[in-house]
N, C-alpha and C. Protein backbone atom coordinates (compact mmCIF):
# COMPACT_ATOMS: atom_id res chain seq x y z
N MET A 1 13.97 10.88 -28.95
CA MET A 1 13.61 9.73 -28.29
C MET A 1 14.24 9.61 -26.93
N ARG A 2 15.41 10.08 -26.72
CA ARG A 2 16.00 10.15 -25.34
C ARG A 2 15.28 11.04 -24.53
N THR A 3 14.96 12.18 -24.98
CA THR A 3 14.34 13.23 -24.14
C THR A 3 12.90 12.78 -23.64
N GLU A 4 12.30 11.85 -24.41
CA GLU A 4 10.97 11.32 -24.00
C GLU A 4 11.18 10.32 -22.90
N LYS A 5 12.19 9.55 -23.03
CA LYS A 5 12.60 8.69 -21.91
C LYS A 5 12.98 9.44 -20.68
N ARG A 6 13.68 10.45 -20.73
CA ARG A 6 14.19 11.26 -19.63
C ARG A 6 12.87 12.02 -19.04
N LYS A 7 12.00 12.37 -19.74
CA LYS A 7 10.83 13.03 -19.24
C LYS A 7 9.95 12.04 -18.47
N ALA A 8 9.92 10.92 -19.02
CA ALA A 8 9.16 9.71 -18.32
C ALA A 8 9.74 9.44 -17.02
N LYS A 9 11.13 9.31 -16.93
CA LYS A 9 11.82 9.10 -15.63
C LYS A 9 11.56 10.17 -14.71
N ASP A 10 11.42 11.44 -15.20
CA ASP A 10 11.16 12.60 -14.29
C ASP A 10 9.91 12.58 -13.58
N GLY A 11 8.93 11.92 -14.20
CA GLY A 11 7.70 11.88 -13.65
C GLY A 11 7.57 10.66 -12.63
N GLN A 12 8.54 9.84 -12.58
CA GLN A 12 8.50 8.71 -11.62
C GLN A 12 8.78 9.12 -10.25
N LYS A 13 8.11 8.47 -9.28
CA LYS A 13 8.41 8.84 -7.84
C LYS A 13 9.84 8.21 -7.49
N LYS A 14 10.67 9.03 -6.86
CA LYS A 14 11.91 8.60 -6.46
C LYS A 14 11.83 7.90 -5.08
N LYS A 15 12.65 6.86 -4.97
CA LYS A 15 12.52 6.04 -3.64
C LYS A 15 13.44 6.69 -2.72
N HIS A 16 13.02 6.85 -1.42
CA HIS A 16 13.87 7.32 -0.36
C HIS A 16 15.08 6.42 -0.04
N PRO A 17 16.17 6.99 0.13
CA PRO A 17 17.51 6.06 0.24
C PRO A 17 17.37 5.33 1.48
N GLU A 18 16.64 5.72 2.55
CA GLU A 18 16.62 4.96 3.84
C GLU A 18 15.53 3.97 3.84
N ALA A 19 14.53 3.82 2.78
CA ALA A 19 13.55 2.89 2.71
C ALA A 19 14.08 1.54 2.59
N PRO A 20 13.39 0.54 3.30
CA PRO A 20 13.95 -0.83 3.32
C PRO A 20 13.86 -1.43 1.80
N LYS A 21 14.82 -2.25 1.55
CA LYS A 21 14.89 -2.83 0.30
C LYS A 21 14.28 -4.27 0.30
N LYS A 22 13.63 -4.62 -0.78
CA LYS A 22 13.03 -5.96 -0.88
C LYS A 22 14.13 -7.02 -1.14
N PRO A 23 14.03 -8.26 -0.61
CA PRO A 23 15.00 -9.30 -1.02
C PRO A 23 14.83 -9.56 -2.49
N SER A 24 15.90 -10.01 -3.16
CA SER A 24 15.94 -10.17 -4.62
C SER A 24 15.58 -11.56 -5.07
N GLY A 25 14.80 -11.68 -6.07
CA GLY A 25 14.68 -12.96 -6.86
C GLY A 25 14.26 -14.23 -6.28
N GLY A 26 13.41 -14.21 -5.31
CA GLY A 26 12.85 -15.52 -4.73
C GLY A 26 14.00 -16.46 -4.27
N GLY A 27 13.69 -17.67 -4.37
CA GLY A 27 14.61 -18.68 -3.90
C GLY A 27 15.92 -18.61 -4.64
N TYR A 28 15.85 -18.49 -5.91
CA TYR A 28 16.92 -18.47 -6.82
C TYR A 28 17.85 -17.19 -6.48
N GLY A 29 17.24 -16.08 -6.12
CA GLY A 29 18.01 -14.86 -5.62
C GLY A 29 18.73 -15.21 -4.46
N GLN A 30 18.21 -15.89 -3.52
CA GLN A 30 18.82 -16.17 -2.19
C GLN A 30 20.05 -17.14 -2.54
N PHE A 31 19.80 -18.15 -3.38
CA PHE A 31 20.86 -19.11 -3.76
C PHE A 31 22.00 -18.39 -4.39
N LEU A 32 21.73 -17.41 -5.36
CA LEU A 32 22.80 -16.72 -5.97
C LEU A 32 23.60 -15.86 -5.06
N ALA A 33 22.79 -15.13 -4.12
CA ALA A 33 23.51 -14.30 -3.25
C ALA A 33 24.43 -15.02 -2.27
N GLU A 34 24.11 -16.26 -2.04
CA GLU A 34 24.91 -16.99 -1.13
C GLU A 34 26.16 -17.70 -1.95
N LYS A 35 25.98 -18.07 -3.14
CA LYS A 35 26.94 -18.75 -3.84
C LYS A 35 27.71 -18.02 -4.93
N ARG A 36 27.42 -16.73 -5.10
CA ARG A 36 28.07 -15.84 -6.00
C ARG A 36 29.53 -15.75 -5.89
N PRO A 37 30.24 -15.66 -4.58
CA PRO A 37 31.58 -15.62 -4.50
C PRO A 37 32.33 -16.87 -5.17
N GLN A 38 31.67 -18.02 -4.91
CA GLN A 38 32.20 -19.32 -5.42
C GLN A 38 32.17 -19.35 -6.96
N PHE A 39 31.00 -18.83 -7.55
CA PHE A 39 30.98 -18.86 -9.05
C PHE A 39 31.89 -17.89 -9.66
N GLN A 40 32.13 -16.69 -8.93
CA GLN A 40 33.05 -15.69 -9.45
C GLN A 40 34.45 -16.21 -9.49
N LYS A 41 34.83 -16.95 -8.49
CA LYS A 41 36.12 -17.56 -8.41
C LYS A 41 36.42 -18.62 -9.55
N ALA A 42 35.30 -19.38 -9.77
CA ALA A 42 35.27 -20.34 -10.81
C ALA A 42 35.40 -19.78 -12.23
N CYS A 43 34.78 -18.62 -12.39
CA CYS A 43 34.61 -17.97 -13.58
C CYS A 43 35.65 -16.76 -13.66
N ALA A 44 36.70 -16.70 -13.03
CA ALA A 44 37.66 -15.60 -12.90
C ALA A 44 38.22 -15.36 -14.36
N GLY A 45 38.04 -14.03 -14.75
CA GLY A 45 38.57 -13.66 -16.09
C GLY A 45 37.54 -13.83 -17.23
N GLN A 46 36.41 -14.46 -16.96
CA GLN A 46 35.29 -14.57 -17.85
C GLN A 46 34.33 -13.45 -17.73
N SER A 47 33.41 -13.40 -18.64
CA SER A 47 32.31 -12.34 -18.66
C SER A 47 31.37 -12.53 -17.38
N VAL A 48 30.66 -11.49 -17.11
CA VAL A 48 29.67 -11.64 -16.07
C VAL A 48 28.58 -12.57 -16.37
N THR A 49 28.23 -12.80 -17.56
CA THR A 49 27.19 -13.76 -17.90
C THR A 49 27.61 -15.18 -17.66
N ALA A 50 28.85 -15.42 -17.60
CA ALA A 50 29.43 -16.81 -17.31
C ALA A 50 29.04 -17.18 -15.78
N VAL A 51 29.03 -16.20 -14.97
CA VAL A 51 28.61 -16.44 -13.65
C VAL A 51 27.08 -16.83 -13.51
N SER A 52 26.32 -16.07 -14.25
CA SER A 52 24.90 -16.23 -14.18
C SER A 52 24.50 -17.58 -14.91
N LYS A 53 25.20 -17.95 -16.08
CA LYS A 53 24.95 -19.33 -16.52
C LYS A 53 25.34 -20.37 -15.62
N MET A 54 26.50 -20.31 -14.99
CA MET A 54 26.95 -21.31 -14.01
C MET A 54 25.95 -21.53 -12.95
N ALA A 55 25.45 -20.33 -12.39
CA ALA A 55 24.51 -20.30 -11.29
C ALA A 55 23.23 -20.96 -11.70
N GLY A 56 22.71 -20.62 -12.87
CA GLY A 56 21.62 -21.30 -13.45
C GLY A 56 21.63 -22.74 -13.52
N GLU A 57 22.76 -23.19 -14.04
CA GLU A 57 22.86 -24.64 -14.13
C GLU A 57 22.94 -25.35 -12.73
N ALA A 58 23.69 -24.74 -11.82
CA ALA A 58 23.78 -25.32 -10.49
C ALA A 58 22.27 -25.25 -9.79
N TRP A 59 21.52 -24.29 -10.08
CA TRP A 59 20.21 -24.22 -9.46
C TRP A 59 19.39 -25.22 -10.09
N LYS A 60 19.44 -25.51 -11.28
CA LYS A 60 18.59 -26.60 -11.96
C LYS A 60 18.99 -28.03 -11.44
N LYS A 61 20.27 -28.18 -10.99
CA LYS A 61 20.70 -29.43 -10.52
C LYS A 61 20.22 -29.75 -9.07
N LEU A 62 19.81 -28.57 -8.35
CA LEU A 62 19.43 -28.87 -6.96
C LEU A 62 18.14 -29.66 -6.94
N SER A 63 18.00 -30.29 -5.81
CA SER A 63 16.81 -31.12 -5.57
C SER A 63 15.63 -30.19 -5.09
N ASP A 64 14.42 -30.60 -5.15
CA ASP A 64 13.40 -29.78 -4.73
C ASP A 64 13.54 -29.39 -3.18
N ALA A 65 14.02 -30.30 -2.45
CA ALA A 65 14.17 -30.15 -0.93
C ALA A 65 15.21 -28.98 -0.74
N GLU A 66 16.25 -29.03 -1.48
CA GLU A 66 17.38 -27.88 -1.40
C GLU A 66 16.85 -26.64 -1.88
N LYS A 67 16.03 -26.71 -2.97
CA LYS A 67 15.41 -25.37 -3.39
C LYS A 67 14.45 -24.85 -2.46
N LYS A 68 13.70 -25.72 -1.78
CA LYS A 68 12.74 -25.32 -0.73
C LYS A 68 13.45 -24.56 0.35
N LEU A 69 14.58 -24.98 0.79
CA LEU A 69 15.32 -24.19 1.77
C LEU A 69 15.63 -22.80 1.46
N TYR A 70 15.98 -22.51 0.23
CA TYR A 70 16.20 -21.14 -0.28
C TYR A 70 14.92 -20.38 -0.33
N GLU A 71 13.84 -21.13 -0.71
CA GLU A 71 12.63 -20.36 -0.87
C GLU A 71 12.13 -19.93 0.52
N THR A 72 12.28 -20.82 1.51
CA THR A 72 11.86 -20.45 2.89
C THR A 72 12.78 -19.23 3.40
N MET A 73 14.15 -19.24 3.02
CA MET A 73 14.95 -18.09 3.37
C MET A 73 14.30 -16.81 2.79
N TYR A 74 13.85 -16.91 1.50
CA TYR A 74 13.28 -15.78 0.78
C TYR A 74 11.98 -15.32 1.57
N ALA A 75 11.23 -16.35 1.90
CA ALA A 75 9.95 -15.96 2.57
C ALA A 75 10.20 -15.16 3.91
N LYS A 76 11.12 -15.76 4.66
CA LYS A 76 11.57 -15.05 6.05
C LYS A 76 12.09 -13.57 5.78
N LYS A 77 12.96 -13.41 4.74
CA LYS A 77 13.38 -12.14 4.41
C LYS A 77 12.31 -11.23 3.89
N MET A 78 11.36 -11.70 3.19
CA MET A 78 10.23 -10.92 2.78
C MET A 78 9.41 -10.46 3.84
N GLU A 79 9.10 -11.37 4.84
CA GLU A 79 8.39 -10.91 5.97
C GLU A 79 9.14 -9.92 6.85
N GLU A 80 10.39 -10.03 7.01
CA GLU A 80 11.20 -9.10 7.71
C GLU A 80 11.07 -7.74 6.96
N CYS A 81 11.07 -7.74 5.59
CA CYS A 81 11.01 -6.50 4.82
C CYS A 81 9.68 -5.89 5.02
N LYS A 82 8.62 -6.66 5.01
CA LYS A 82 7.29 -6.12 5.25
C LYS A 82 7.22 -5.46 6.52
N LYS A 83 7.71 -5.98 7.60
CA LYS A 83 7.66 -5.45 8.93
C LYS A 83 8.44 -4.09 8.91
N ALA A 84 9.64 -4.16 8.32
CA ALA A 84 10.53 -3.00 8.33
C ALA A 84 9.89 -1.93 7.51
N LEU A 85 9.20 -2.26 6.40
CA LEU A 85 8.46 -1.24 5.59
C LEU A 85 7.27 -0.64 6.38
N ALA A 86 6.51 -1.41 7.10
CA ALA A 86 5.46 -0.98 7.85
C ALA A 86 5.87 0.07 8.93
N GLU A 87 7.02 -0.25 9.59
CA GLU A 87 7.66 0.54 10.56
C GLU A 87 8.18 1.93 9.90
N TYR A 88 8.81 1.76 8.74
CA TYR A 88 9.30 2.91 8.04
C TYR A 88 8.14 3.85 7.70
N ASN A 89 7.03 3.24 7.11
CA ASN A 89 5.87 4.03 6.68
C ASN A 89 5.24 4.80 7.92
N LYS A 90 5.26 4.09 9.03
CA LYS A 90 4.61 4.61 10.28
C LYS A 90 5.58 5.86 10.73
N ASN A 91 6.81 5.68 10.70
CA ASN A 91 7.74 6.82 11.15
C ASN A 91 7.68 7.85 10.12
N LYS A 92 7.59 7.58 8.86
CA LYS A 92 7.55 8.66 7.82
C LYS A 92 6.35 9.51 7.91
N GLU A 93 5.15 8.83 8.25
CA GLU A 93 3.83 9.59 8.49
C GLU A 93 3.96 10.52 9.56
N GLU A 94 4.51 10.08 10.68
CA GLU A 94 4.72 10.95 11.91
C GLU A 94 5.53 12.16 11.68
N GLY A 95 6.62 11.91 10.90
CA GLY A 95 7.55 13.04 10.62
C GLY A 95 7.11 13.89 9.34
N GLU A 96 6.04 13.59 8.76
CA GLU A 96 5.68 14.30 7.43
C GLU A 96 5.25 15.63 7.67
N GLY A 97 4.56 16.05 8.88
CA GLY A 97 4.05 17.26 9.08
C GLY A 97 5.26 18.37 9.14
N GLU A 98 6.35 17.93 9.76
CA GLU A 98 7.54 18.81 9.80
C GLU A 98 8.14 19.03 8.40
N ASP A 99 8.21 18.03 7.66
CA ASP A 99 8.93 18.31 6.39
C ASP A 99 8.11 19.04 5.33
N ALA A 100 6.71 18.98 5.50
CA ALA A 100 5.82 19.61 4.51
C ALA A 100 6.23 21.08 4.49
N GLU A 101 6.47 21.80 5.53
CA GLU A 101 6.81 23.14 5.56
C GLU A 101 8.02 23.55 4.66
N GLU A 102 9.09 22.65 4.74
CA GLU A 102 10.25 22.95 4.09
C GLU A 102 10.22 22.75 2.53
N GLU A 103 9.34 21.87 2.17
CA GLU A 103 9.19 21.57 0.71
C GLU A 103 8.58 22.81 -0.10
N THR A 104 9.18 23.16 -1.16
CA THR A 104 8.52 24.09 -2.07
C THR A 104 8.10 23.44 -3.29
N GLU A 105 6.96 24.14 -3.82
CA GLU A 105 6.42 23.53 -5.09
C GLU A 105 7.30 23.90 -6.27
N LYS A 106 7.40 22.93 -7.13
CA LYS A 106 8.22 23.19 -8.32
C LYS A 106 7.29 23.65 -9.34
N PRO A 107 7.75 24.73 -10.25
CA PRO A 107 6.92 25.18 -11.24
C PRO A 107 6.70 24.06 -12.36
N LYS A 108 5.49 24.06 -12.88
CA LYS A 108 5.24 22.97 -13.82
C LYS A 108 6.02 23.33 -15.15
N ALA A 109 6.57 22.29 -15.70
CA ALA A 109 7.31 22.38 -17.00
C ALA A 109 6.31 22.61 -18.18
N LYS A 110 6.73 23.51 -19.13
CA LYS A 110 6.01 23.72 -20.29
C LYS A 110 6.00 22.64 -21.26
N LYS A 111 4.96 22.29 -21.92
CA LYS A 111 4.87 21.23 -22.87
C LYS A 111 5.47 21.71 -24.15
N ALA A 112 6.30 20.90 -24.81
CA ALA A 112 6.80 21.17 -26.20
C ALA A 112 5.73 21.06 -27.24
N ARG A 113 5.84 22.02 -28.18
CA ARG A 113 4.84 21.95 -29.25
C ARG A 113 5.36 21.14 -30.36
N LYS A 114 4.44 20.45 -31.03
CA LYS A 114 4.79 19.64 -32.24
C LYS A 114 4.87 20.66 -33.38
N ALA A 115 5.55 20.24 -34.41
CA ALA A 115 5.75 21.05 -35.65
C ALA A 115 4.45 21.46 -36.27
N GLY A 116 3.42 20.62 -36.33
CA GLY A 116 2.12 20.94 -36.94
C GLY A 116 1.13 21.62 -36.05
N ASP A 117 1.51 21.95 -34.81
CA ASP A 117 0.52 22.46 -33.82
C ASP A 117 0.29 23.88 -33.85
N ARG A 118 0.84 24.68 -34.74
CA ARG A 118 0.79 26.05 -34.70
C ARG A 118 -0.40 26.65 -35.36
């Protein structure tokens, strides 16, 4: 079972470390990123889930106008991310011709046989 999961991960495309990262979690993610230090101080010595529970309760108590503030913050960050990603892809395509010579092809892995396939 573990080897199957590992093989599935090997087939996945790896993300470039310099690629721009998307903002997390919509309005709630922005709220949590801003308020996390306060929640961590309040939950000192407790489990990590205590912070999440406290944040969830605080988010539910916010008015729609306050939530809208965080949602607009998320929208702005998402737009910035899209612009940064477009710039990254543009630069990546320009430099791709130089990197193609350096890459070598990996040999294909052999498939394992099942017990009844002989």
